[in-house]
């Protein structure tokens, strides 16, 4: 009934309506955004990449698309951003224990990735596998939960908590180094424990007023339904808006201490940017697209950047287009965060 152009138009209009309503209500409440001004450094040194893909063969919760994700993102990078060094950890490399994505090997990979880096170098991490969450014990999580990576041997060796990801991979990276992380897993929004979350306009979401957010979501949903008639998305987005509305403003105020601690202890001198498959409260899809098993987020990233788009696309454009690619097909919402207040209306580059 509605063509692709009409659906694209509906998506654009509803996105703008949600932003306008949210901005207006935010002026009346606790919602604050901040326009970041710190500039990205220039990549002019070596480029290193760590790829981790885990299908969990023979285990409960076996996945299908994670090895394909590694193959596809590696091929994309080699064609567009030549790599000087790379490490690949996948659970099909059973003939070499050092190449399996075990807990010890993943942490070793983090150390390898950052070893000897200098200003101007670019580091890339791509992880495709399971993500989880456990109760936070040190008071740095606004939702009270730590996020976790699930190595292939997580049942015996344990998961990798986001605090450890940050400590081993991120903390202390030198100024002028760029780290781009692509986390295609569940509960991944704060997997690197970075303090600054971005919206699609490039503004930092310093404090979220969930009541205002809920109203904005519901208004935007009504506009979109009027334009494209998508009943399934109407019900999903109305429920999201209703949940935020019922939570109200009080829930966020209790998170102020955790937010403050994260900014004080997790800010970085390096340019650390993370694209995640979903919000901390969501799951990321192991999908079949075009007849191939793939992570929905990795697919959306490569699709968005293919065809030369990576030469002119801004970080915020990439985030928005990835969301639009998945919208209406999957419930997950890709997110973008950084270790300092970077202006991510800058041109995207690995």
Protein backbone atom coordinates (compact mmCIF):
# COMPACT_ATOMS: atom_id res chain seq x y z
CA UNK A 1 0.00 0.00 0.00
CA UNK A 2 2.81 2.39 0.85
CA UNK A 3 5.95 2.54 -1.31
CA UNK A 4 9.54 2.82 -0.10
CA UNK A 5 9.64 6.58 -0.67
CA UNK A 6 6.48 7.09 1.38
CA UNK A 7 7.82 4.96 4.23
CA UNK A 8 11.13 6.86 4.17
CA UNK A 9 9.26 10.15 4.27
CA UNK A 10 7.11 8.93 7.17
CA UNK A 11 10.20 7.89 9.09
CA UNK A 12 11.90 11.23 8.54
CA UNK A 13 8.84 13.22 9.58
CA UNK A 14 8.19 11.13 12.71
CA UNK A 15 11.85 11.45 13.75
CA UNK A 16 11.67 15.23 13.47
CA UNK A 17 8.36 15.37 15.32
CA UNK A 18 9.77 13.28 18.17
CA UNK A 19 12.79 15.57 18.42
CA UNK A 20 10.70 18.76 18.34
CA UNK A 21 8.25 17.54 20.97
CA UNK A 22 11.07 16.24 23.16
CA UNK A 23 12.98 19.51 22.89
CA UNK A 24 9.88 21.53 23.76
CA UNK A 25 8.99 19.41 26.78
CA UNK A 26 12.60 19.30 27.86
CA UNK A 27 12.63 23.06 28.27
CA UNK A 28 9.85 22.64 30.82
CA UNK A 29 11.48 19.83 32.82
CA UNK A 30 14.71 18.03 33.60
CA UNK A 31 15.75 17.03 30.09
CA UNK A 32 19.02 18.64 29.05
CA UNK A 33 21.18 18.26 26.00
CA UNK A 34 24.59 19.68 25.37
CA UNK A 35 26.22 20.45 22.04
CA UNK A 36 29.70 18.91 22.14
CA UNK A 37 32.61 20.95 20.79
CA UNK A 38 35.71 18.75 21.17
CA UNK A 39 37.18 17.79 17.80
CA UNK A 40 38.22 14.36 16.60
CA UNK A 41 41.90 13.85 15.97
CA UNK A 42 43.20 12.92 12.52
CA UNK A 43 43.95 9.31 11.64
CA UNK A 44 47.38 9.31 10.04
CA UNK A 45 49.15 6.35 11.63
CA UNK A 46 48.62 2.60 11.55
CA UNK A 47 45.24 0.89 11.62
CA UNK A 48 44.77 -2.24 13.77
CA UNK A 49 41.64 -4.36 14.10
CA UNK A 50 40.41 -7.07 16.45
CA UNK A 51 37.51 -9.23 15.23
CA UNK A 52 35.60 -11.48 17.63
CA UNK A 53 32.83 -13.78 16.37
CA UNK A 54 31.17 -16.49 18.44
CA UNK A 55 28.44 -18.83 17.23
CA UNK A 56 28.63 -21.04 20.38
CA UNK A 57 28.57 -24.30 18.42
CA UNK A 58 26.80 -27.05 20.34
CA UNK A 59 25.92 -24.79 23.27
CA UNK A 60 22.58 -23.57 24.52
CA UNK A 61 21.72 -20.36 22.69
CA UNK A 62 23.76 -21.24 19.60
CA UNK A 63 23.89 -18.37 17.09
CA UNK A 64 24.22 -18.52 13.31
CA UNK A 65 25.41 -15.18 11.98
CA UNK A 66 28.40 -14.11 14.08
CA UNK A 67 31.12 -15.70 11.95
CA UNK A 68 29.53 -14.20 8.85
CA UNK A 69 29.58 -10.81 10.60
CA UNK A 70 33.33 -11.08 11.11
CA UNK A 71 33.87 -12.12 7.49
CA UNK A 72 31.68 -9.31 6.14
CA UNK A 73 33.04 -6.47 8.26
CA UNK A 74 36.62 -7.63 7.62
CA UNK A 75 36.03 -7.63 3.86
CA UNK A 76 34.44 -4.18 4.03
CA UNK A 77 37.33 -2.74 6.00
CA UNK A 78 39.99 -4.29 3.79
CA UNK A 79 38.30 -2.81 0.72
CA UNK A 80 37.86 0.68 2.16
CA UNK A 81 40.16 1.12 5.18
CA UNK A 82 43.28 -1.02 4.66
CA UNK A 83 44.47 -2.68 7.85
CA UNK A 84 48.10 -2.81 8.95
CA UNK A 85 47.50 -5.49 11.58
CA UNK A 86 44.58 -7.69 12.55
CA UNK A 87 43.64 -10.45 14.98
CA UNK A 88 40.67 -12.76 14.42
CA UNK A 89 39.11 -14.77 17.24
CA UNK A 90 36.31 -17.10 16.09
CA UNK A 91 35.05 -20.40 17.45
CA UNK A 92 35.52 -22.30 14.18
CA UNK A 93 39.32 -22.14 14.54
CA UNK A 94 39.46 -25.29 16.64
CA UNK A 95 42.91 -26.27 15.35
CA UNK A 96 44.53 -23.26 17.06
CA UNK A 97 43.59 -22.65 20.72
CA UNK A 98 45.12 -19.14 20.59
CA UNK A 99 42.54 -18.12 17.97
CA UNK A 100 39.45 -19.23 19.90
CA UNK A 101 37.34 -16.45 21.49
CA UNK A 102 37.89 -17.62 25.06
CA UNK A 103 37.80 -15.22 27.98
CA UNK A 104 41.59 -15.22 28.24
CA UNK A 105 42.10 -14.74 24.48
CA UNK A 106 39.61 -11.88 24.22
CA UNK A 107 41.30 -10.01 27.07
CA UNK A 108 44.67 -10.76 25.45
CA UNK A 109 43.24 -9.37 22.20
CA UNK A 110 42.24 -6.15 23.96
CA UNK A 111 45.81 -5.80 25.25
CA UNK A 112 47.25 -6.56 21.80
CA UNK A 113 44.99 -4.01 20.13
CA UNK A 114 46.24 -1.13 22.27
CA UNK A 115 49.86 -2.24 22.59
CA UNK A 116 52.34 0.34 21.29
CA UNK A 117 49.72 2.76 19.98
CA UNK A 118 50.56 6.40 19.31
CA UNK A 119 48.63 9.55 18.44
CA UNK A 120 47.19 9.23 14.94
CA UNK A 121 46.67 5.46 15.15
CA UNK A 122 43.23 3.94 14.61
CA UNK A 123 42.02 0.89 16.54
CA UNK A 124 38.93 -1.09 15.53
CA UNK A 125 37.05 -3.64 17.63
CA UNK A 126 34.21 -5.67 16.18
CA UNK A 127 32.40 -8.09 18.50
CA UNK A 128 29.54 -10.32 17.39
CA UNK A 129 28.18 -12.77 19.95
CA UNK A 130 26.10 -12.95 23.08
CA UNK A 131 25.88 -10.10 25.56
CA UNK A 132 24.37 -10.26 29.01
CA UNK A 133 23.77 -8.27 32.16
CA UNK A 134 24.38 -8.78 35.87
CA UNK A 135 23.73 -6.71 38.97
CA UNK A 136 26.07 -3.71 39.32
CA UNK A 137 28.06 -3.67 42.55
CA UNK A 138 30.09 -0.45 42.33
CA UNK A 139 27.38 2.16 41.71
CA UNK A 140 28.39 3.32 38.22
CA UNK A 141 25.37 2.02 36.29
CA UNK A 142 22.23 4.16 35.97
CA UNK A 143 20.03 1.10 35.50
CA UNK A 144 21.73 -0.85 38.30
CA UNK A 145 23.07 -3.49 35.89
CA UNK A 146 26.54 -4.19 34.50
CA UNK A 147 26.69 -5.36 30.88
CA UNK A 148 28.77 -8.40 29.94
CA UNK A 149 30.43 -10.08 26.98
CA UNK A 150 30.00 -13.84 26.78
CA UNK A 151 33.18 -15.64 25.63
CA UNK A 152 32.86 -19.07 24.09
CA UNK A 153 33.93 -20.56 27.46
CA UNK A 154 31.78 -18.27 29.63
CA UNK A 155 30.15 -21.23 31.38
CA UNK A 156 33.48 -22.28 32.90
CA UNK A 157 35.66 -19.15 32.74
CA UNK A 158 33.01 -16.49 33.35
CA UNK A 159 31.79 -13.46 31.45
CA UNK A 160 33.69 -10.22 30.83
CA UNK A 161 32.01 -7.38 32.71
CA UNK A 162 31.90 -3.91 31.13
CA UNK A 163 34.06 -2.54 33.96
CA UNK A 164 36.81 -4.93 32.86
CA UNK A 165 36.30 -4.11 29.17
CA UNK A 166 36.87 -0.46 29.99
CA UNK A 167 39.83 -1.11 32.30
CA UNK A 168 41.71 -3.39 29.88
CA UNK A 169 40.80 -1.84 26.52
CA UNK A 170 39.95 1.82 27.07
CA UNK A 171 41.45 3.32 30.21
CA UNK A 172 44.69 5.20 29.64
CA UNK A 173 44.64 5.21 25.83
CA UNK A 174 46.83 8.16 24.75
CA UNK A 175 45.39 11.40 23.43
CA UNK A 176 45.13 11.39 19.65
CA UNK A 177 44.41 7.65 19.39
CA UNK A 178 41.05 6.66 17.91
CA UNK A 179 39.21 3.53 19.02
CA UNK A 180 36.04 2.59 17.15
CA UNK A 181 34.07 -0.27 18.69
CA UNK A 182 31.20 -2.10 16.97
CA UNK A 183 29.35 -4.15 19.55
CA UNK A 184 26.76 -6.39 17.86
CA UNK A 185 25.30 -8.08 20.92
CA UNK A 186 22.47 -7.80 23.42
CA UNK A 187 22.55 -5.20 26.21
CA UNK A 188 25.39 -3.38 24.43
CA UNK A 189 24.71 0.37 24.79
CA UNK A 190 27.24 0.84 27.62
CA UNK A 191 29.45 -2.21 26.98
CA UNK A 192 32.55 0.02 26.96
CA UNK A 193 31.28 2.05 29.93
CA UNK A 194 31.62 5.32 28.03
CA UNK A 195 29.98 8.32 29.73
CA UNK A 196 28.52 10.28 26.81
CA UNK A 197 25.46 9.04 24.89
CA UNK A 198 24.49 10.78 21.64
CA UNK A 199 21.19 11.39 19.91
CA UNK A 200 20.84 11.46 16.13
CA UNK A 201 21.38 15.25 16.08
CA UNK A 202 24.83 14.93 17.61
CA UNK A 203 23.79 16.32 21.00
CA UNK A 204 24.77 14.70 24.27
CA UNK A 205 21.88 13.32 26.30
CA UNK A 206 23.02 14.57 29.69
CA UNK A 207 19.80 13.96 31.59
CA UNK A 208 16.78 12.17 30.21
CA UNK A 209 13.31 13.13 31.34
CA UNK A 210 11.47 9.88 30.73
CA UNK A 211 8.02 11.43 30.95
CA UNK A 212 8.86 13.94 28.22
CA UNK A 213 10.48 11.18 26.19
CA UNK A 214 7.36 9.04 26.48
CA UNK A 215 5.05 11.83 25.34
CA UNK A 216 7.35 12.64 22.42
CA UNK A 217 7.45 8.99 21.35
CA UNK A 218 3.66 8.69 21.43
CA UNK A 219 3.08 11.88 19.44
CA UNK A 220 5.67 10.87 16.83
CA UNK A 221 4.10 7.43 16.56
CA UNK A 222 0.71 8.91 15.81
CA UNK A 223 2.22 11.06 13.06
CA UNK A 224 4.01 8.11 11.54
CA UNK A 225 0.91 5.91 11.57
CA UNK A 226 -1.06 8.66 9.84
CA UNK A 227 1.56 8.67 7.10
CA UNK A 228 2.39 4.99 6.57
CA UNK A 229 -0.32 2.93 8.31
CA UNK A 230 2.13 0.53 10.00
CA UNK A 231 -0.05 -0.97 12.75
CA UNK A 232 2.66 -3.22 14.21
CA UNK A 233 5.07 -0.32 14.73
CA UNK A 234 2.20 1.79 16.04
CA UNK A 235 1.57 -0.66 18.88
CA UNK A 236 5.26 -1.20 19.65
CA UNK A 237 6.11 2.49 19.84
CA UNK A 238 2.97 3.36 21.76
CA UNK A 239 3.94 0.76 24.36
CA UNK A 240 7.46 2.22 24.60
CA UNK A 241 6.03 5.68 25.03
CA UNK A 242 3.52 4.49 27.60
CA UNK A 243 6.26 2.72 29.61
CA UNK A 244 8.37 5.88 29.70
CA UNK A 245 5.35 7.98 30.64
CA UNK A 246 4.45 5.68 33.54
CA UNK A 247 8.03 5.66 34.81
CA UNK A 248 7.86 9.43 35.13
CA UNK A 249 10.64 11.80 36.03
CA UNK A 250 11.55 10.44 39.46
CA UNK A 251 13.40 7.36 38.21
CA UNK A 252 16.11 9.41 36.55
CA UNK A 253 16.85 11.57 39.58
CA UNK A 254 17.97 8.54 41.55
CA UNK A 255 20.47 7.76 38.81
CA UNK A 256 22.32 11.08 39.11
CA UNK A 257 25.06 9.67 41.36
CA UNK A 258 25.77 6.80 38.95
CA UNK A 259 25.84 9.19 35.99
CA UNK A 260 28.22 11.53 37.83
CA UNK A 261 30.53 8.66 38.79
CA UNK A 262 30.65 7.40 35.21
CA UNK A 263 31.61 10.82 33.86
CA UNK A 264 34.30 11.25 36.53
CA UNK A 265 35.87 7.80 36.19
CA UNK A 266 35.24 6.73 32.57
CA UNK A 267 36.05 9.86 30.54
CA UNK A 268 38.95 9.42 28.13
CA UNK A 269 41.68 11.50 26.52
CA UNK A 270 41.61 9.29 23.43
CA UNK A 271 38.84 9.48 20.81
CA UNK A 272 36.83 6.43 21.87
CA UNK A 273 33.54 5.88 20.00
CA UNK A 274 31.21 2.93 20.33
CA UNK A 275 28.38 1.85 18.04
CA UNK A 276 26.16 -0.70 19.77
CA UNK A 277 23.45 -2.93 18.43
CA UNK A 278 20.85 -1.85 20.97
CA UNK A 279 20.08 -0.12 24.25
CA UNK A 280 21.20 -1.73 27.50
CA UNK A 281 17.63 -2.92 28.08
CA UNK A 282 17.26 -4.52 24.63
CA UNK A 283 18.38 -7.56 22.68
CA UNK A 284 20.09 -7.60 19.28
CA UNK A 285 18.80 -9.86 16.53
CA UNK A 286 20.61 -12.83 15.02
CA UNK A 287 18.84 -12.51 11.68
CA UNK A 288 18.64 -13.95 8.19
CA UNK A 289 18.86 -11.23 5.55
CA UNK A 290 19.18 -11.93 1.85
CA UNK A 291 19.49 -15.64 2.60
CA UNK A 292 22.52 -15.18 4.89
CA UNK A 293 22.68 -15.44 8.66
CA UNK A 294 23.93 -12.13 10.06
CA UNK A 295 23.71 -9.81 13.01
CA UNK A 296 21.13 -7.14 12.19
CA UNK A 297 23.36 -4.33 13.46
CA UNK A 298 26.45 -5.43 11.48
CA UNK A 299 24.28 -5.74 8.38
CA UNK A 300 22.87 -2.23 8.89
CA UNK A 301 26.34 -0.76 9.41
CA UNK A 302 27.82 -2.28 6.27
CA UNK A 303 24.73 -1.48 4.19
CA UNK A 304 24.80 2.14 5.34
CA UNK A 305 28.50 2.62 4.60
CA UNK A 306 28.60 0.71 1.30
CA UNK A 307 28.49 2.28 -2.12
CA UNK A 308 30.91 5.07 -1.29
CA UNK A 309 28.72 6.60 1.41
CA UNK A 310 31.53 6.34 3.96
CA UNK A 311 33.43 9.09 2.14
CA UNK A 312 30.90 11.80 3.05
CA UNK A 313 28.76 10.47 5.91
CA UNK A 314 28.85 12.03 9.36
CA UNK A 315 28.80 9.90 12.52
CA UNK A 316 25.29 11.12 13.33
CA UNK A 317 24.11 10.29 9.80
CA UNK A 318 25.46 6.78 10.22
CA UNK A 319 23.58 6.34 13.49
CA UNK A 320 20.32 7.66 12.04
CA UNK A 321 20.51 5.60 8.85
CA UNK A 322 21.32 2.42 10.76
CA UNK A 323 18.25 3.01 12.92
CA UNK A 324 16.10 3.60 9.84
CA UNK A 325 17.43 0.43 8.20
CA UNK A 326 16.30 -1.66 11.16
CA UNK A 327 13.15 0.27 12.05
CA UNK A 328 9.97 -1.66 11.41
CA UNK A 329 11.82 -4.98 11.16
CA UNK A 330 13.51 -5.26 14.55
CA UNK A 331 12.84 -3.73 17.95
CA UNK A 332 16.50 -2.92 18.70
CA UNK A 333 17.71 0.69 18.52
CA UNK A 334 21.41 1.16 17.63
CA UNK A 335 23.22 3.57 19.95
CA UNK A 336 26.37 5.70 19.84
CA UNK A 337 28.55 6.76 22.77
CA UNK A 338 31.96 8.33 23.32
CA UNK A 339 34.60 8.73 25.99
CA UNK A 340 34.73 12.52 25.73
CA UNK A 341 32.49 15.29 24.42
CA UNK A 342 33.31 14.84 20.75
CA UNK A 343 31.59 16.70 17.96
CA UNK A 344 30.26 13.72 16.02
CA UNK A 345 28.71 15.78 13.28
CA UNK A 346 32.22 15.22 11.90
CA UNK A 347 32.83 13.00 8.86
CA UNK A 348 32.89 9.33 9.77
CA UNK A 349 36.07 7.33 9.38
CA UNK A 350 37.63 4.22 10.85
